[in-house]
Amino acid sequence: MTDTRQVAVVTGGTRGVGAGIARGFLAAGARVVICARRPPEVPVEAGGATAQFRPLDLRDARATRTFFRQVAADHGSVDALVNNAGGTPFGLLAETAPARQAKIIELNLLAPLHASLAAYDVMRAQRSGGSITMIGSVSGTRPSPGSGAYGAAKAGLENLARTMAVEWAPAVRVNTVVLGLARTESAHLHYGDEEGVARVAATVPLGRLADPADVGDACVFLASDRARYISGAALHLHGGGERPAFLDAAPVNH
């Protein structure tokens, strides 16, 4: 995506991975609109450009539809959507209230559904169509103790993307970036201090956590013409995955 006419929307693009994605699109020459319930603490900038912030509660389907129509009216199109907004606190299933679990699923599955439907209404009317990218998680591909509802939502999100890719072709391509462990300003909440972050990073075959810029590069690629025949795919961005625990338990030295 290098055409300055391209317009990209990044949900939850005010910080962390979302801000990294927004910077990736800005650096590629796109006009970027980021949305969240609260504005960024500092402007999201790259390549001499700044992302435009618009407030939005993605759990409100009507407000989300209005948001995308307004972005298209103001900028002329919506060419790419990255459904990044989401997350979860740590909590074992039996110790988490059902209402809390429902909110986690709402944020991580229903909100991207609302945004995708609203974006599709705009994209399908465009001659160039559009691209939608879901930010999934390895939590949706394996057991996810401490984040069970989140993992279930991310698994559903990947399946939803594959279905959209079939139903909305050829006008709109839909893919998923399956993200592994990432380093953001809130990494300490999950991994502890710097020593804890280093220990976790050492479990990744490539030897480090993902940087938000890594995610941004992947999303820009999937939205670009270089990925024009990629739809319904899941790009695993996890640095090689997780070392199987049995290798460390086995008596043979691996």
Protein backbone atom coordinates (compact mmCIF):
# COMPACT_ATOMS: atom_id res chain seq x y z
CA MET A 1 0.00 0.00 0.00
CA THR A 2 1.89 3.02 -1.27
CA ASP A 3 -0.90 5.02 -2.91
CA THR A 4 -1.66 8.12 -0.82
CA ARG A 5 -5.29 7.81 -1.86
CA GLN A 6 -5.59 4.65 0.22
CA VAL A 7 -7.48 5.01 3.51
CA ALA A 8 -6.86 2.58 6.37
CA VAL A 9 -8.87 2.25 9.58
CA VAL A 10 -7.17 0.67 12.60
CA THR A 11 -9.36 -0.11 15.59
CA GLY A 12 -7.67 0.27 18.95
CA GLY A 13 -4.93 2.12 17.12
CA THR A 14 -4.04 4.54 19.92
CA ARG A 15 -1.35 2.48 21.64
CA GLY A 16 0.56 -0.79 21.71
CA VAL A 17 0.17 -3.11 18.76
CA GLY A 18 -2.59 -0.93 17.29
CA ALA A 19 -0.34 2.12 17.20
CA GLY A 20 2.37 0.01 15.57
CA ILE A 21 -0.07 -1.05 12.87
CA ALA A 22 -1.18 2.55 12.31
CA ARG A 23 2.46 3.67 11.99
CA GLY A 24 3.08 0.93 9.45
CA PHE A 25 0.27 2.21 7.23
CA LEU A 26 1.38 5.82 7.67
CA ALA A 27 4.93 4.92 6.66
CA ALA A 28 3.54 3.18 3.57
CA GLY A 29 1.82 6.39 2.50
CA ALA A 30 -1.77 5.66 3.54
CA ARG A 31 -4.14 8.05 5.24
CA VAL A 32 -4.93 6.46 8.59
CA VAL A 33 -7.93 6.78 10.88
CA ILE A 34 -7.65 5.24 14.34
CA CYS A 35 -10.55 4.70 16.71
CA ALA A 36 -10.97 3.84 20.36
CA ARG A 37 -13.05 5.02 23.26
CA ARG A 38 -10.31 7.38 24.42
CA PRO A 39 -7.80 9.44 22.41
CA PRO A 40 -4.09 8.55 22.33
CA GLU A 41 -1.86 10.06 25.00
CA VAL A 42 0.49 11.18 22.22
CA PRO A 43 -0.25 11.55 18.50
CA VAL A 44 0.38 8.42 16.42
CA GLU A 45 2.86 9.52 13.76
CA ALA A 46 5.17 8.09 11.10
CA GLY A 47 6.53 9.10 7.73
CA GLY A 48 5.79 12.74 8.38
CA ALA A 49 2.06 12.04 8.78
CA THR A 50 -0.29 11.73 11.74
CA ALA A 51 -3.17 9.31 12.20
CA GLN A 52 -6.56 10.94 12.63
CA PHE A 53 -8.33 9.89 15.84
CA ARG A 54 -12.09 9.46 16.06
CA PRO A 55 -13.82 8.22 19.21
CA LEU A 56 -15.87 5.04 18.87
CA ASP A 57 -17.26 2.28 21.08
CA LEU A 58 -17.05 -0.70 18.74
CA ARG A 59 -19.58 -2.61 20.81
CA ASP A 60 -22.24 -0.22 19.50
CA ALA A 61 -23.18 -1.60 16.07
CA ARG A 62 -25.19 1.47 15.02
CA ALA A 63 -22.40 3.90 15.99
CA THR A 64 -19.88 1.71 14.19
CA ARG A 65 -21.89 1.77 10.97
CA THR A 66 -22.17 5.55 11.19
CA PHE A 67 -18.44 5.83 11.82
CA PHE A 68 -17.46 3.97 8.64
CA ARG A 69 -19.93 5.88 6.50
CA GLN A 70 -18.51 9.13 7.82
CA VAL A 71 -14.90 8.08 7.19
CA ALA A 72 -15.83 7.19 3.60
CA ALA A 73 -17.67 10.50 3.14
CA ASP A 74 -14.76 12.52 4.52
CA HIS A 75 -11.90 10.67 2.81
CA GLY A 76 -13.54 9.23 -0.28
CA SER A 77 -13.09 5.55 0.56
CA VAL A 78 -12.26 2.92 3.16
CA ASP A 79 -9.67 0.66 1.57
CA ALA A 80 -8.36 -1.29 4.54
CA LEU A 81 -9.65 -2.21 7.97
CA VAL A 82 -7.52 -3.79 10.67
CA ASN A 83 -9.58 -5.17 13.55
CA ASN A 84 -7.01 -4.81 16.30
CA ALA A 85 -9.08 -3.67 19.30
CA GLY A 86 -9.36 -6.34 21.97
CA GLY A 87 -7.62 -7.86 24.95
CA THR A 88 -8.31 -9.45 28.31
CA PRO A 89 -7.16 -9.42 31.94
CA PHE A 90 -5.88 -12.67 33.44
CA GLY A 91 -8.61 -14.73 35.05
CA LEU A 92 -9.27 -18.44 35.47
CA LEU A 93 -12.64 -19.49 34.08
CA ALA A 94 -14.05 -20.74 37.39
CA GLU A 95 -13.00 -17.53 39.10
CA THR A 96 -14.38 -15.09 36.50
CA ALA A 97 -17.98 -13.88 36.56
CA PRO A 98 -20.08 -14.93 33.55
CA ALA A 99 -20.88 -11.29 32.81
CA ARG A 100 -17.17 -10.53 32.59
CA GLN A 101 -16.59 -13.45 30.25
CA ALA A 102 -19.43 -12.23 28.03
CA LYS A 103 -17.85 -8.75 27.82
CA ILE A 104 -14.52 -10.27 26.78
CA ILE A 105 -16.22 -12.19 23.98
CA GLU A 106 -18.17 -9.08 22.99
CA LEU A 107 -14.99 -7.02 22.66
CA ASN A 108 -12.89 -9.65 20.91
CA LEU A 109 -15.46 -11.25 18.60
CA LEU A 110 -18.67 -9.25 18.28
CA ALA A 111 -16.97 -5.84 17.98
CA PRO A 112 -14.79 -6.99 15.03
CA LEU A 113 -17.92 -8.47 13.47
CA HIS A 114 -19.72 -5.11 13.74
CA ALA A 115 -16.73 -3.26 12.29
CA SER A 116 -16.29 -5.72 9.43
CA LEU A 117 -19.95 -5.57 8.45
CA ALA A 118 -19.88 -1.76 8.50
CA ALA A 119 -16.66 -1.65 6.46
CA TYR A 120 -18.03 -4.19 3.97
CA ASP A 121 -21.04 -1.98 3.28
CA VAL A 122 -18.62 0.72 2.16
CA MET A 123 -16.04 -1.49 0.44
CA ARG A 124 -18.42 -3.50 -1.71
CA ALA A 125 -19.61 -0.31 -3.40
CA GLN A 126 -16.05 0.71 -4.28
CA ARG A 127 -14.57 -0.23 -7.61
CA SER A 128 -11.35 -1.34 -5.88
CA GLY A 129 -13.13 -3.26 -3.12
CA GLY A 130 -11.12 -3.49 0.06
CA SER A 131 -9.17 -5.56 2.56
CA ILE A 132 -10.02 -6.58 6.12
CA THR A 133 -7.43 -8.01 8.51
CA MET A 134 -8.28 -9.56 11.87
CA ILE A 135 -5.68 -9.51 14.62
CA GLY A 136 -5.98 -12.99 16.04
CA SER A 137 -3.90 -14.72 18.68
CA VAL A 138 -2.11 -17.98 19.36
CA SER A 139 -4.49 -18.11 22.35
CA GLY A 140 -7.13 -19.12 19.82
CA THR A 141 -5.06 -22.01 18.45
CA ARG A 142 -4.11 -23.81 21.68
CA PRO A 143 -5.33 -24.04 25.30
CA SER A 144 -5.37 -20.61 26.90
CA PRO A 145 -5.39 -20.97 30.71
CA GLY A 146 -6.12 -17.65 32.37
CA SER A 147 -7.72 -16.25 29.23
CA GLY A 148 -10.23 -18.89 28.19
CA ALA A 149 -12.99 -16.60 26.95
CA TYR A 150 -10.42 -14.52 25.05
CA GLY A 151 -8.95 -17.62 23.40
CA ALA A 152 -12.39 -18.85 22.42
CA ALA A 153 -13.23 -15.45 20.92
CA LYS A 154 -9.98 -15.37 18.93
CA ALA A 155 -10.64 -18.87 17.61
CA GLY A 156 -14.07 -17.73 16.51
CA LEU A 157 -12.58 -14.61 14.93
CA GLU A 158 -10.29 -16.64 12.69
CA ASN A 159 -13.19 -18.85 11.59
CA LEU A 160 -15.30 -15.74 10.99
CA ALA A 161 -12.57 -14.30 8.76
CA ARG A 162 -12.48 -17.46 6.63
CA THR A 163 -16.24 -17.33 6.17
CA MET A 164 -16.18 -13.65 5.26
CA ALA A 165 -13.44 -14.37 2.73
CA VAL A 166 -15.79 -16.77 0.94
CA GLU A 167 -18.99 -14.73 1.23
CA TRP A 168 -17.46 -11.37 0.34
CA ALA A 169 -15.17 -12.38 -2.52
CA PRO A 170 -14.13 -11.07 -4.93
CA ALA A 171 -14.78 -7.51 -3.73
CA VAL A 172 -13.24 -7.80 -0.26
CA ARG A 173 -10.32 -9.91 0.90
CA VAL A 174 -10.30 -11.03 4.55
CA ASN A 175 -7.31 -12.48 6.41
CA THR A 176 -6.05 -13.03 9.95
CA VAL A 177 -2.72 -12.25 11.57
CA VAL A 178 -2.32 -14.85 14.33
CA LEU A 179 -0.14 -12.97 16.79
CA GLY A 180 2.10 -14.58 19.37
CA LEU A 181 3.79 -12.92 22.32
CA ALA A 182 4.28 -9.19 21.80
CA ARG A 183 6.18 -6.46 23.61
CA THR A 184 4.22 -3.28 24.25
CA GLU A 185 4.06 -0.64 26.97
CA SER A 186 1.80 -3.00 28.96
CA ALA A 187 4.00 -6.10 28.62
CA HIS A 188 4.89 -5.91 32.31
CA LEU A 189 1.27 -6.63 33.20
CA HIS A 190 1.59 -10.05 31.57
CA TYR A 191 5.28 -10.92 31.92
CA GLY A 192 6.48 -8.99 34.98
CA ASP A 193 9.68 -6.93 35.11
CA GLU A 194 12.44 -6.82 32.50
CA GLU A 195 13.87 -10.08 33.77
CA GLY A 196 10.49 -11.73 33.33
CA VAL A 197 10.13 -10.31 29.83
CA ALA A 198 13.59 -11.67 28.97
CA ARG A 199 12.70 -15.14 30.28
CA VAL A 200 9.51 -15.20 28.22
CA ALA A 201 11.33 -13.93 25.13
CA ALA A 202 13.85 -16.77 25.50
CA THR A 203 11.04 -19.29 24.95
CA VAL A 204 10.43 -17.91 21.44
CA PRO A 205 12.54 -19.63 18.76
CA LEU A 206 13.56 -16.27 17.22
CA GLY A 207 14.66 -15.12 20.68
CA ARG A 208 12.46 -12.06 21.16
CA LEU A 209 8.88 -10.92 21.53
CA ALA A 210 7.09 -9.39 18.54
CA ASP A 211 7.45 -5.65 18.17
CA PRO A 212 4.36 -3.62 17.17
CA ALA A 213 6.25 -2.68 13.99
CA ASP A 214 6.42 -6.38 13.06
CA VAL A 215 2.64 -6.55 13.20
CA GLY A 216 2.32 -3.33 11.24
CA ASP A 217 4.50 -4.68 8.43
CA ALA A 218 2.41 -7.85 8.21
CA CYS A 219 -0.85 -5.88 8.07
CA VAL A 220 0.43 -3.51 5.40
CA PHE A 221 1.50 -6.48 3.31
CA LEU A 222 -1.90 -8.19 3.59
CA ALA A 223 -3.66 -4.96 2.58
CA SER A 224 -1.35 -4.36 -0.37
CA ASP A 225 -1.50 -5.46 -4.00
CA ARG A 226 1.36 -7.86 -3.26
CA ALA A 227 -1.21 -9.92 -1.33
CA ARG A 228 -3.90 -9.56 -4.01
CA TYR A 229 -4.47 -13.34 -4.22
CA ILE A 230 -4.37 -13.94 -0.48
CA SER A 231 -7.76 -14.24 1.22
CA GLY A 232 -9.06 -16.52 3.94
CA ALA A 233 -5.50 -17.05 5.14
CA ALA A 234 -4.00 -17.04 8.62
CA LEU A 235 -0.50 -15.56 8.84
CA HIS A 236 1.19 -16.84 11.99
CA LEU A 237 3.34 -14.05 13.43
CA HIS A 238 4.83 -15.81 16.44
CA GLY A 239 8.58 -15.99 15.91
CA GLY A 240 8.53 -19.73 15.29
CA GLY A 241 5.89 -20.68 17.83
CA GLU A 242 6.27 -22.26 21.24
CA ARG A 243 8.74 -24.97 22.16
CA PRO A 244 6.80 -28.15 23.05
CA ALA A 245 7.00 -28.79 26.80
CA PHE A 246 7.68 -32.51 26.34
CA LEU A 247 11.09 -31.73 24.83
CA ASP A 248 12.27 -30.34 28.17
CA ALA A 249 10.73 -33.25 30.09
CA ALA A 250 12.13 -36.01 27.87
CA PRO A 251 15.29 -37.83 29.09
CA VAL A 252 16.99 -37.44 25.71
CA ASN A 253 18.93 -34.20 25.27
CA HIS A 254 17.37 -32.22 22.42
